[in-house]
N, C-alpha and C. Protein backbone atom coordinates (compact mmCIF):
# COMPACT_ATOMS: atom_id res chain seq x y z
N UNK A 1 -139.24 98.55 137.01
CA UNK A 1 -138.62 98.80 135.59
C UNK A 1 -139.04 97.78 134.54
N UNK A 2 -139.61 97.65 133.47
CA UNK A 2 -139.72 96.60 132.78
C UNK A 2 -138.50 96.67 131.48
N UNK A 3 -138.14 95.58 131.06
CA UNK A 3 -137.08 95.42 130.08
C UNK A 3 -137.62 95.22 128.73
N UNK A 4 -138.94 95.26 128.53
CA UNK A 4 -139.62 94.58 127.22
C UNK A 4 -139.21 95.77 126.37
N UNK A 5 -138.50 95.22 125.54
CA UNK A 5 -138.24 95.99 124.00
C UNK A 5 -137.16 97.13 124.43
N UNK A 6 -136.39 96.70 125.57
CA UNK A 6 -135.00 97.38 126.02
C UNK A 6 -133.93 97.12 125.02
N UNK A 7 -133.05 97.64 124.51
CA UNK A 7 -131.78 97.22 123.87
C UNK A 7 -130.53 97.22 124.89
N UNK A 8 -130.23 95.86 125.04
CA UNK A 8 -129.48 95.45 126.21
C UNK A 8 -128.18 94.55 125.62
N UNK A 9 -127.00 95.44 126.05
CA UNK A 9 -125.65 94.71 125.47
C UNK A 9 -125.31 93.92 126.84
N UNK A 10 -124.76 92.70 126.98
CA UNK A 10 -124.03 91.81 127.87
C UNK A 10 -122.81 91.49 127.73
N UNK A 11 -121.94 92.02 128.27
CA UNK A 11 -120.37 91.67 128.07
C UNK A 11 -120.22 90.26 128.91
N UNK A 12 -119.54 89.41 128.41
CA UNK A 12 -119.39 88.06 128.92
C UNK A 12 -120.57 87.29 128.95
N UNK A 13 -121.46 87.42 127.86
CA UNK A 13 -122.69 86.86 127.79
C UNK A 13 -122.89 85.48 127.40
N UNK A 14 -122.02 84.78 126.64
CA UNK A 14 -121.82 83.58 126.08
C UNK A 14 -121.77 82.52 127.28
N UNK A 15 -121.63 82.83 128.33
CA UNK A 15 -121.27 81.55 129.30
C UNK A 15 -121.68 82.02 130.52
N UNK A 16 -121.72 80.95 131.34
CA UNK A 16 -121.80 81.15 132.96
C UNK A 16 -123.05 82.15 133.19
N UNK A 17 -122.85 83.06 134.37
CA UNK A 17 -123.75 84.01 134.77
C UNK A 17 -123.98 84.70 133.66
N UNK A 18 -123.19 85.26 132.76
CA UNK A 18 -123.84 85.99 131.44
C UNK A 18 -124.70 85.45 130.58
N UNK A 19 -124.56 84.20 130.51
CA UNK A 19 -125.61 83.54 129.83
C UNK A 19 -127.12 83.31 130.43
N UNK A 20 -126.84 83.24 131.71
CA UNK A 20 -128.14 83.14 132.38
C UNK A 20 -128.80 84.59 132.32
N UNK A 21 -127.89 85.41 132.54
CA UNK A 21 -128.69 87.02 132.45
C UNK A 21 -129.42 87.33 131.16
N UNK A 22 -128.76 86.86 130.26
CA UNK A 22 -129.19 86.99 128.81
C UNK A 22 -130.47 86.27 128.61
N UNK A 23 -130.55 84.88 129.11
CA UNK A 23 -131.94 84.24 128.66
C UNK A 23 -132.90 84.77 129.34
N UNK A 24 -132.69 85.19 130.91
CA UNK A 24 -133.63 85.80 132.00
C UNK A 24 -134.17 86.93 131.18
N UNK A 25 -133.31 88.11 130.75
CA UNK A 25 -133.52 89.20 130.15
C UNK A 25 -134.16 89.11 128.58
N UNK A 26 -134.02 88.06 128.07
CA UNK A 26 -134.53 87.74 126.74
C UNK A 26 -136.01 87.21 126.98
N UNK A 27 -136.23 86.56 127.96
CA UNK A 27 -137.49 85.92 128.41
C UNK A 27 -138.56 86.95 128.64
N UNK A 28 -137.98 88.14 129.26
CA UNK A 28 -138.85 89.29 129.57
C UNK A 28 -138.90 90.25 128.50
N UNK A 29 -138.46 89.87 127.44
CA UNK A 29 -138.84 90.81 126.16
C UNK A 29 -137.69 91.75 125.78
N UNK A 30 -136.67 91.69 126.20
CA UNK A 30 -135.34 92.45 125.94
C UNK A 30 -135.01 92.25 124.71
N UNK A 31 -134.16 93.15 123.76
CA UNK A 31 -133.79 92.97 122.49
C UNK A 31 -132.16 92.84 123.16
N UNK A 32 -131.55 91.63 123.06
CA UNK A 32 -130.19 91.24 123.61
C UNK A 32 -129.11 91.27 122.65
N UNK A 33 -128.17 91.59 122.99
CA UNK A 33 -126.94 91.38 122.29
C UNK A 33 -125.87 90.80 123.02
N UNK A 34 -125.34 89.86 122.67
CA UNK A 34 -124.47 88.97 123.61
C UNK A 34 -123.07 89.23 122.97
N UNK A 35 -122.34 89.97 124.03
CA UNK A 35 -120.81 90.17 123.66
C UNK A 35 -119.84 89.59 124.39
N UNK A 36 -118.97 88.56 123.44
CA UNK A 36 -118.29 87.73 124.03
C UNK A 36 -117.11 87.16 123.07
N UNK A 37 -115.94 86.87 123.52
CA UNK A 37 -115.00 86.20 122.62
C UNK A 37 -115.11 84.92 121.92
N UNK A 38 -115.86 84.23 122.86
CA UNK A 38 -116.02 82.80 122.50
C UNK A 38 -117.22 82.78 121.49
N UNK A 39 -116.83 82.63 120.04
CA UNK A 39 -118.01 82.51 119.01
C UNK A 39 -118.80 81.27 119.26
N UNK A 40 -118.21 80.18 119.56
CA UNK A 40 -118.90 78.98 119.70
C UNK A 40 -119.94 78.80 120.50
N UNK A 41 -119.54 79.34 121.54
CA UNK A 41 -120.77 79.25 122.88
C UNK A 41 -121.70 80.63 122.60
N UNK A 42 -121.13 81.61 122.05
CA UNK A 42 -122.20 82.69 121.56
C UNK A 42 -123.14 82.28 120.55
N UNK A 43 -122.46 81.94 119.58
CA UNK A 43 -123.68 81.37 118.35
C UNK A 43 -124.73 80.26 118.98
N UNK A 44 -124.15 79.22 119.82
CA UNK A 44 -124.94 78.21 120.57
C UNK A 44 -126.07 78.87 121.13
N UNK A 45 -125.87 79.94 121.88
CA UNK A 45 -126.63 80.47 122.84
C UNK A 45 -127.79 81.26 122.12
N UNK A 46 -127.46 81.83 121.09
CA UNK A 46 -128.07 82.87 120.20
C UNK A 46 -129.21 81.82 119.41
N UNK A 47 -128.78 80.65 118.97
CA UNK A 47 -129.66 79.68 118.41
C UNK A 47 -130.43 78.98 119.40
N UNK A 48 -130.24 78.85 120.34
CA UNK A 48 -130.87 78.20 121.79
C UNK A 48 -132.13 79.02 121.88
N UNK A 49 -131.65 80.61 122.00
CA UNK A 49 -132.79 81.51 122.57
C UNK A 49 -133.85 81.73 121.25
N UNK A 50 -133.38 81.62 120.07
CA UNK A 50 -134.10 81.93 119.13
C UNK A 50 -135.18 80.98 118.89
N UNK A 51 -135.17 79.64 119.28
CA UNK A 51 -136.09 78.67 119.36
C UNK A 51 -137.15 79.08 120.34
N UNK A 52 -136.78 79.84 121.28
CA UNK A 52 -137.84 80.13 122.13
C UNK A 52 -138.40 81.85 122.05
N UNK A 53 -138.05 82.13 120.68
CA UNK A 53 -138.73 83.34 120.00
C UNK A 53 -138.23 84.69 120.81
N UNK A 54 -136.94 84.38 121.22
CA UNK A 54 -136.42 85.57 122.07
C UNK A 54 -135.55 86.45 120.93
N UNK A 55 -135.14 87.54 121.14
CA UNK A 55 -134.45 88.26 120.11
C UNK A 55 -133.25 88.62 120.93
N UNK A 56 -132.07 87.77 120.55
CA UNK A 56 -130.67 87.83 121.00
C UNK A 56 -129.90 87.65 119.58
N UNK A 57 -128.83 88.36 119.52
CA UNK A 57 -127.76 88.56 118.54
C UNK A 57 -126.36 88.48 119.13
N UNK A 58 -125.49 87.47 118.78
CA UNK A 58 -124.27 87.16 119.24
C UNK A 58 -123.36 88.27 118.48
N UNK A 59 -122.34 88.92 119.03
CA UNK A 59 -121.39 89.79 118.61
C UNK A 59 -119.86 89.32 119.25
N UNK A 60 -119.26 88.78 118.34
CA UNK A 60 -117.93 88.31 118.97
C UNK A 60 -116.88 89.63 118.88
N UNK A 61 -116.32 89.91 119.83
CA UNK A 61 -115.63 91.18 120.40
C UNK A 61 -114.71 90.90 121.23
N UNK A 62 -113.35 91.83 121.41
CA UNK A 62 -112.53 91.83 122.41
C UNK A 62 -112.98 92.98 122.99
N UNK A 63 -113.29 92.88 124.30
CA UNK A 63 -113.63 94.02 125.18
C UNK A 63 -112.84 94.96 125.56
N UNK A 64 -111.41 94.29 125.20
CA UNK A 64 -110.19 95.43 125.55
C UNK A 64 -109.86 96.36 124.32
N UNK A 65 -110.66 96.23 123.34
CA UNK A 65 -110.40 96.95 122.09
C UNK A 65 -111.31 97.92 122.01
N UNK A 66 -110.74 99.47 121.84
CA UNK A 66 -111.62 100.41 121.83
C UNK A 66 -112.23 100.53 120.28
N UNK A 67 -111.57 99.92 119.32
CA UNK A 67 -112.03 99.99 118.05
C UNK A 67 -113.17 98.98 117.89
N UNK A 68 -113.23 97.78 118.66
CA UNK A 68 -114.23 96.69 118.64
C UNK A 68 -115.33 97.48 119.36
N UNK A 69 -115.20 98.27 120.41
CA UNK A 69 -116.34 98.79 121.03
C UNK A 69 -116.82 99.87 120.19
N UNK A 70 -116.19 100.68 119.56
CA UNK A 70 -116.65 101.65 118.45
C UNK A 70 -117.91 100.99 117.53
N UNK A 71 -117.03 99.99 116.95
CA UNK A 71 -117.85 99.14 115.84
C UNK A 71 -119.19 98.43 116.16
N UNK A 72 -119.03 97.86 117.66
CA UNK A 72 -120.21 97.30 118.22
C UNK A 72 -121.45 98.30 118.31
N UNK A 73 -121.06 99.34 119.06
CA UNK A 73 -121.99 100.45 119.49
C UNK A 73 -122.54 101.05 118.12
N UNK A 74 -121.66 101.18 117.12
CA UNK A 74 -122.33 101.68 115.93
C UNK A 74 -123.11 100.85 115.24
N UNK A 75 -122.95 99.80 115.32
CA UNK A 75 -123.66 98.32 114.39
C UNK A 75 -125.12 98.40 115.35
N UNK A 76 -125.03 98.42 116.52
CA UNK A 76 -126.18 98.11 117.37
C UNK A 76 -127.00 99.38 117.10
N UNK A 77 -126.44 100.54 117.32
CA UNK A 77 -127.27 101.65 117.29
C UNK A 77 -127.87 102.11 115.74
N UNK A 78 -126.95 101.74 114.71
CA UNK A 78 -127.63 101.59 113.54
C UNK A 78 -128.95 100.81 113.23
N UNK A 79 -128.77 99.57 113.64
CA UNK A 79 -130.04 98.47 113.83
C UNK A 79 -130.86 98.91 114.69
N UNK A 80 -130.64 99.43 115.99
CA UNK A 80 -131.88 99.61 116.95
C UNK A 80 -132.11 101.00 117.13
N UNK A 81 -131.14 101.85 116.81
CA UNK A 81 -131.70 103.46 116.96
C UNK A 81 -131.03 103.88 118.25
N UNK A 82 -130.70 102.91 119.17
CA UNK A 82 -130.42 103.17 120.37
C UNK A 82 -129.76 102.10 121.49
N UNK A 83 -129.01 102.33 122.53
CA UNK A 83 -128.83 101.25 123.53
C UNK A 83 -129.03 101.72 124.84
N UNK A 84 -130.06 101.00 125.30
CA UNK A 84 -130.74 101.23 126.61
C UNK A 84 -129.88 100.87 127.84
N UNK A 85 -129.14 99.61 127.97
CA UNK A 85 -128.75 98.96 129.07
C UNK A 85 -127.31 98.47 128.69
N UNK A 86 -126.20 98.67 129.45
CA UNK A 86 -125.13 97.99 129.13
C UNK A 86 -124.81 97.15 130.55
N UNK A 87 -124.62 95.86 130.44
CA UNK A 87 -124.32 94.89 131.66
C UNK A 87 -123.01 94.61 131.63
N UNK A 88 -122.45 95.02 132.42
CA UNK A 88 -120.60 94.94 132.39
C UNK A 88 -120.37 93.66 133.25
N UNK A 89 -120.52 92.55 132.74
CA UNK A 89 -120.49 91.14 133.44
C UNK A 89 -119.11 90.36 133.01
N UNK A 90 -118.49 90.84 132.08
CA UNK A 90 -117.11 89.98 131.66
C UNK A 90 -116.17 90.35 132.90
N UNK A 91 -115.50 89.12 133.10
CA UNK A 91 -114.40 89.21 133.95
C UNK A 91 -113.47 87.99 134.08
N UNK A 92 -112.33 88.17 134.49
CA UNK A 92 -111.41 86.97 134.28
C UNK A 92 -110.61 86.75 135.91
N UNK A 93 -110.18 85.72 135.94
CA UNK A 93 -109.22 85.93 136.96
C UNK A 93 -107.93 85.18 136.66
N UNK A 94 -107.09 85.42 137.63
CA UNK A 94 -105.61 84.72 137.19
C UNK A 94 -105.34 84.39 138.69
N UNK A 95 -105.63 83.30 139.08
CA UNK A 95 -105.43 83.00 140.54
C UNK A 95 -104.05 82.79 140.69
N UNK A 96 -103.83 83.52 142.06
CA UNK A 96 -102.29 83.36 142.37
C UNK A 96 -101.93 84.66 143.23
N UNK A 97 -100.87 84.47 143.84
CA UNK A 97 -100.27 85.69 144.87
C UNK A 97 -99.89 86.69 143.76
N UNK A 98 -100.19 87.83 144.22
CA UNK A 98 -99.77 88.83 143.38
C UNK A 98 -98.40 89.30 142.93
N UNK A 99 -97.49 88.67 144.03
CA UNK A 99 -96.25 88.70 143.84
C UNK A 99 -95.62 87.77 142.72
N UNK A 100 -96.51 86.90 142.52
CA UNK A 100 -95.97 85.60 141.71
C UNK A 100 -96.56 85.90 140.30
N UNK A 101 -97.54 86.95 140.05
CA UNK A 101 -98.07 87.00 138.82
C UNK A 101 -97.35 87.53 137.83
N UNK A 102 -97.37 86.93 136.57
CA UNK A 102 -96.59 87.84 135.60
C UNK A 102 -97.31 89.23 135.20
N UNK A 103 -96.49 90.02 134.77
CA UNK A 103 -97.03 91.43 134.36
C UNK A 103 -98.31 91.28 133.31
N UNK A 104 -98.05 90.37 132.28
CA UNK A 104 -99.17 89.93 131.07
C UNK A 104 -100.15 89.53 131.82
N UNK A 105 -100.31 88.66 132.89
CA UNK A 105 -101.47 88.09 133.79
C UNK A 105 -102.15 89.51 134.30
N UNK A 106 -101.57 90.10 134.97
CA UNK A 106 -102.06 91.31 135.64
C UNK A 106 -102.36 92.16 134.78
N UNK A 107 -102.02 92.60 133.50
CA UNK A 107 -102.49 93.50 132.71
C UNK A 107 -103.78 92.95 132.09
N UNK A 108 -103.88 91.41 131.78
CA UNK A 108 -105.14 91.09 131.18
C UNK A 108 -106.49 91.04 132.18
N UNK A 109 -106.24 90.99 133.29
CA UNK A 109 -107.35 91.20 134.31
C UNK A 109 -107.45 92.44 134.52
N UNK A 110 -106.77 93.51 134.66
CA UNK A 110 -106.94 94.88 134.55
C UNK A 110 -107.84 95.42 133.31
N UNK A 111 -107.37 94.83 131.99
CA UNK A 111 -107.87 95.18 130.64
C UNK A 111 -109.05 94.80 130.75
N UNK A 112 -109.72 93.53 130.90
CA UNK A 112 -110.98 93.05 130.95
C UNK A 112 -111.99 93.52 132.09
N UNK A 113 -111.20 93.41 133.30
CA UNK A 113 -112.14 93.55 134.29
C UNK A 113 -112.49 95.04 134.45
N UNK A 114 -111.49 95.95 134.26
CA UNK A 114 -111.68 97.19 134.36
C UNK A 114 -111.70 98.27 133.42
N UNK A 115 -111.12 97.96 132.29
CA UNK A 115 -111.25 98.68 131.21
C UNK A 115 -112.37 98.26 130.11
N UNK A 116 -112.67 96.72 130.07
CA UNK A 116 -113.40 96.20 129.34
C UNK A 116 -115.06 96.56 129.67
């Protein structure tokens, strides 16, 4: 399958593995949307990819927010007419024994890694 001209959203796309996936997909002609909380990294990646003539747009969002998802999907569909692929890359860790984790740490891991 080719990704040329496919509209692809990548969660956690501003850093680490997400940024690598965004760059790779962008270099293969996809229309990328970088979804991440980190505005600085997201805008830097967007600017870097623009130099190589890639089509990538950063959208700052909280993946745990249903309202943010609705707004993002509405924005992308209004601009592109569709979404072809969602890459669920975002994830966090709160290293430690489960019995020592605070409830808010556990809730954050579940919210990002499962609901996000």
